[in-house]
């Protein structure tokens, strides 16, 4: 059911410093910072030949990323995102198999402008999983 790895998301305490590290030290292609107010984050994407790294930083009060950063002041890996052909079909199969979708269960539009859902980490080996319609 899952397709290719779309991205690995990393929460960072200082977006400018993290972007510079990937751009200047690692020589990566780094996007501009983009605020995602519907998700309470600022994102930067690092383009790699086979996938992307998504840098996340809290945006505004009540950001879901802030709690992660409070527990992990240096930041760290937040989630992995896999592509699926049909997000509704994938959701229904995941739920039928007993796993939990976080939130209402209805897809929201993610940072790439495509429908996404998040799956409970306790159901996926301790890892927060995002699925994104390809």
C-alpha atoms as a PDB file:
ATOM      1  CA  UNK A   1       0.000   0.000   0.000  1.00  0.00           C
ATOM      2  CA  UNK A   2       2.684   2.565   0.888  1.00  0.00           C
ATOM      3  CA  UNK A   3       4.783   3.946  -1.901  1.00  0.00           C
ATOM      4  CA  UNK A   4       8.016   5.813  -1.786  1.00  0.00           C
ATOM      5  CA  UNK A   5       9.386   7.718   1.178  1.00  0.00           C
ATOM      6  CA  UNK A   6       8.326  11.308   0.574  1.00  0.00           C
ATOM      7  CA  UNK A   7      10.252  12.928   3.428  1.00  0.00           C
ATOM      8  CA  UNK A   8      11.692  12.677   6.914  1.00  0.00           C
ATOM      9  CA  UNK A   9      10.693  15.584   9.174  1.00  0.00           C
ATOM     10  CA  UNK A  10      13.074  17.060  11.732  1.00  0.00           C
ATOM     11  CA  UNK A  11      12.046  19.652  14.340  1.00  0.00           C
ATOM     12  CA  UNK A  12      14.657  22.372  14.767  1.00  0.00           C
ATOM     13  CA  UNK A  13      14.985  25.065  17.444  1.00  0.00           C
ATOM     14  CA  UNK A  14      16.557  27.593  15.026  1.00  0.00           C
ATOM     15  CA  UNK A  15      15.307  27.373  11.447  1.00  0.00           C
ATOM     16  CA  UNK A  16      17.852  29.780   9.952  1.00  0.00           C
ATOM     17  CA  UNK A  17      20.774  27.927  11.554  1.00  0.00           C
ATOM     18  CA  UNK A  18      19.427  24.519  10.493  1.00  0.00           C
ATOM     19  CA  UNK A  19      18.845  25.660   6.906  1.00  0.00           C
ATOM     20  CA  UNK A  20      22.356  27.122   6.775  1.00  0.00           C
ATOM     21  CA  UNK A  21      23.818  23.873   8.120  1.00  0.00           C
ATOM     22  CA  UNK A  22      22.202  21.816   5.361  1.00  0.00           C
ATOM     23  CA  UNK A  23      22.962  24.411   2.661  1.00  0.00           C
ATOM     24  CA  UNK A  24      26.482  25.491   3.629  1.00  0.00           C
ATOM     25  CA  UNK A  25      27.961  22.494   5.448  1.00  0.00           C
ATOM     26  CA  UNK A  26      26.264  19.655   3.580  1.00  0.00           C
ATOM     27  CA  UNK A  27      25.873  21.431   0.223  1.00  0.00           C
ATOM     28  CA  UNK A  28      22.172  20.626  -0.092  1.00  0.00           C
ATOM     29  CA  UNK A  29      19.515  22.400  -2.137  1.00  0.00           C
ATOM     30  CA  UNK A  30      17.446  24.222   0.515  1.00  0.00           C
ATOM     31  CA  UNK A  31      14.044  25.828  -0.122  1.00  0.00           C
ATOM     32  CA  UNK A  32      12.869  29.136   1.254  1.00  0.00           C
ATOM     33  CA  UNK A  33      11.087  29.164   4.620  1.00  0.00           C
ATOM     34  CA  UNK A  34       7.342  28.787   4.229  1.00  0.00           C
ATOM     35  CA  UNK A  35       4.810  29.432   6.982  1.00  0.00           C
ATOM     36  CA  UNK A  36       2.043  26.827   7.187  1.00  0.00           C
ATOM     37  CA  UNK A  37      -0.479  28.565   9.505  1.00  0.00           C
ATOM     38  CA  UNK A  38      -3.061  25.762   9.179  1.00  0.00           C
ATOM     39  CA  UNK A  39      -0.517  23.354  10.672  1.00  0.00           C
ATOM     40  CA  UNK A  40       1.213  25.748  13.092  1.00  0.00           C
ATOM     41  CA  UNK A  41       4.651  25.289  11.548  1.00  0.00           C
ATOM     42  CA  UNK A  42       7.257  26.926   9.401  1.00  0.00           C
ATOM     43  CA  UNK A  43       8.827  24.523   6.915  1.00  0.00           C
ATOM     44  CA  UNK A  44      11.972  24.285   4.854  1.00  0.00           C
ATOM     45  CA  UNK A  45      12.535  21.413   2.437  1.00  0.00           C
ATOM     46  CA  UNK A  46      15.936  19.938   1.711  1.00  0.00           C
ATOM     47  CA  UNK A  47      15.882  18.322  -1.746  1.00  0.00           C
ATOM     48  CA  UNK A  48      17.820  15.077  -2.017  1.00  0.00           C
ATOM     49  CA  UNK A  49      18.157  12.851  -5.097  1.00  0.00           C
ATOM     50  CA  UNK A  50      15.852  10.179  -3.633  1.00  0.00           C
ATOM     51  CA  UNK A  51      13.655  12.012  -1.078  1.00  0.00           C
ATOM     52  CA  UNK A  52      13.366  15.196   0.989  1.00  0.00           C
ATOM     53  CA  UNK A  53      14.122  16.323   4.532  1.00  0.00           C
ATOM     54  CA  UNK A  54      11.488  18.624   6.009  1.00  0.00           C
ATOM     55  CA  UNK A  55      12.716  21.022   8.687  1.00  0.00           C
ATOM     56  CA  UNK A  56       9.924  22.085  11.071  1.00  0.00           C
ATOM     57  CA  UNK A  57       9.792  25.001  13.474  1.00  0.00           C
ATOM     58  CA  UNK A  58       6.824  26.141  15.602  1.00  0.00           C
ATOM     59  CA  UNK A  59       4.639  28.905  14.157  1.00  0.00           C
ATOM     60  CA  UNK A  60       2.351  30.788  16.517  1.00  0.00           C
ATOM     61  CA  UNK A  61       0.877  29.869  19.857  1.00  0.00           C
ATOM     62  CA  UNK A  62      -0.515  26.378  20.143  1.00  0.00           C
ATOM     63  CA  UNK A  63       1.829  24.919  17.544  1.00  0.00           C
ATOM     64  CA  UNK A  64       1.863  21.118  17.853  1.00  0.00           C
ATOM     65  CA  UNK A  65       5.601  21.267  17.241  1.00  0.00           C
ATOM     66  CA  UNK A  66       6.244  23.420  20.314  1.00  0.00           C
ATOM     67  CA  UNK A  67       5.453  20.565  22.721  1.00  0.00           C
ATOM     68  CA  UNK A  68       7.968  18.371  20.872  1.00  0.00           C
ATOM     69  CA  UNK A  69      10.596  21.115  21.108  1.00  0.00           C
ATOM     70  CA  UNK A  70       9.845  21.654  24.818  1.00  0.00           C
ATOM     71  CA  UNK A  71      10.628  17.965  25.443  1.00  0.00           C
ATOM     72  CA  UNK A  72      13.578  17.947  23.014  1.00  0.00           C
ATOM     73  CA  UNK A  73      15.234  21.406  23.148  1.00  0.00           C
ATOM     74  CA  UNK A  74      17.864  20.418  20.567  1.00  0.00           C
ATOM     75  CA  UNK A  75      15.147  19.216  18.171  1.00  0.00           C
ATOM     76  CA  UNK A  76      15.069  15.800  16.536  1.00  0.00           C
ATOM     77  CA  UNK A  77      13.299  13.500  14.132  1.00  0.00           C
ATOM     78  CA  UNK A  78       9.541  14.087  14.223  1.00  0.00           C
ATOM     79  CA  UNK A  79       7.931  11.864  11.564  1.00  0.00           C
ATOM     80  CA  UNK A  80       8.318   9.970   8.321  1.00  0.00           C
ATOM     81  CA  UNK A  81       6.004  10.528   5.357  1.00  0.00           C
ATOM     82  CA  UNK A  82       5.069   7.828   2.872  1.00  0.00           C
ATOM     83  CA  UNK A  83       3.170   8.306  -0.362  1.00  0.00           C
ATOM     84  CA  UNK A  84      -0.069   6.423  -1.044  1.00  0.00           C
ATOM     85  CA  UNK A  85      -2.069   6.280  -4.269  1.00  0.00           C
ATOM     86  CA  UNK A  86      -5.462   6.808  -2.623  1.00  0.00           C
ATOM     87  CA  UNK A  87      -5.482   8.348   0.845  1.00  0.00           C
ATOM     88  CA  UNK A  88      -9.102   7.424   1.609  1.00  0.00           C
ATOM     89  CA  UNK A  89      -8.538   3.795   0.645  1.00  0.00           C
ATOM     90  CA  UNK A  90      -5.317   3.756   2.689  1.00  0.00           C
ATOM     91  CA  UNK A  91      -7.067   5.315   5.699  1.00  0.00           C
ATOM     92  CA  UNK A  92      -9.910   2.824   5.563  1.00  0.00           C
ATOM     93  CA  UNK A  93      -7.517  -0.126   5.363  1.00  0.00           C
ATOM     94  CA  UNK A  94      -5.354   1.210   8.200  1.00  0.00           C
ATOM     95  CA  UNK A  95      -8.390   1.733  10.455  1.00  0.00           C
ATOM     96  CA  UNK A  96      -9.851  -1.672   9.531  1.00  0.00           C
ATOM     97  CA  UNK A  97      -6.545  -3.238  10.609  1.00  0.00           C
ATOM     98  CA  UNK A  98      -6.884  -1.553  14.026  1.00  0.00           C
ATOM     99  CA  UNK A  99      -4.480   1.367  13.701  1.00  0.00           C
ATOM    100  CA  UNK A 100      -5.432   4.908  14.666  1.00  0.00           C
ATOM    101  CA  UNK A 101      -5.537   8.056  12.585  1.00  0.00           C
ATOM    102  CA  UNK A 102      -4.767  11.211  14.550  1.00  0.00           C
ATOM    103  CA  UNK A 103      -7.431  13.929  14.507  1.00  0.00           C
ATOM    104  CA  UNK A 104     -10.787  13.734  12.764  1.00  0.00           C
ATOM    105  CA  UNK A 105      -9.706  11.085  10.280  1.00  0.00           C
ATOM    106  CA  UNK A 106     -10.400  13.423   7.382  1.00  0.00           C
ATOM    107  CA  UNK A 107      -7.390  14.377   5.250  1.00  0.00           C
ATOM    108  CA  UNK A 108      -6.018  17.900   5.462  1.00  0.00           C
ATOM    109  CA  UNK A 109      -3.956  19.670   2.837  1.00  0.00           C
ATOM    110  CA  UNK A 110      -0.269  19.371   3.683  1.00  0.00           C
ATOM    111  CA  UNK A 111       2.824  21.391   2.853  1.00  0.00           C
ATOM    112  CA  UNK A 112       2.955  20.010  -0.709  1.00  0.00           C
ATOM    113  CA  UNK A 113      -0.659  20.967  -1.414  1.00  0.00           C
ATOM    114  CA  UNK A 114      -1.797  17.324  -1.262  1.00  0.00           C
ATOM    115  CA  UNK A 115      -4.078  15.497   1.205  1.00  0.00           C
ATOM    116  CA  UNK A 116      -2.308  14.094   4.289  1.00  0.00           C
ATOM    117  CA  UNK A 117      -3.133  12.112   7.425  1.00  0.00           C
ATOM    118  CA  UNK A 118      -1.060  11.317  10.495  1.00  0.00           C
ATOM    119  CA  UNK A 119      -1.045   7.868  12.088  1.00  0.00           C
ATOM    120  CA  UNK A 120      -0.596   7.264  15.809  1.00  0.00           C
ATOM    121  CA  UNK A 121       3.020   6.447  16.746  1.00  0.00           C
ATOM    122  CA  UNK A 122       1.951   3.773  19.252  1.00  0.00           C
ATOM    123  CA  UNK A 123       0.548   1.796  16.327  1.00  0.00           C
ATOM    124  CA  UNK A 124       3.719   2.149  14.189  1.00  0.00           C
ATOM    125  CA  UNK A 125       6.678   1.074  16.318  1.00  0.00           C
ATOM    126  CA  UNK A 126       6.900   4.399  18.162  1.00  0.00           C
ATOM    127  CA  UNK A 127       7.137   6.475  14.977  1.00  0.00           C
ATOM    128  CA  UNK A 128       4.695   9.186  13.921  1.00  0.00           C
ATOM    129  CA  UNK A 129       3.758   8.366  10.323  1.00  0.00           C
ATOM    130  CA  UNK A 130       2.309  10.777   7.783  1.00  0.00           C
ATOM    131  CA  UNK A 131       0.693   9.459   4.629  1.00  0.00           C
ATOM    132  CA  UNK A 132       0.354  11.759   1.633  1.00  0.00           C
ATOM    133  CA  UNK A 133      -1.629  11.155  -1.504  1.00  0.00           C
ATOM    134  CA  UNK A 134       0.807  10.896  -4.411  1.00  0.00           C
END
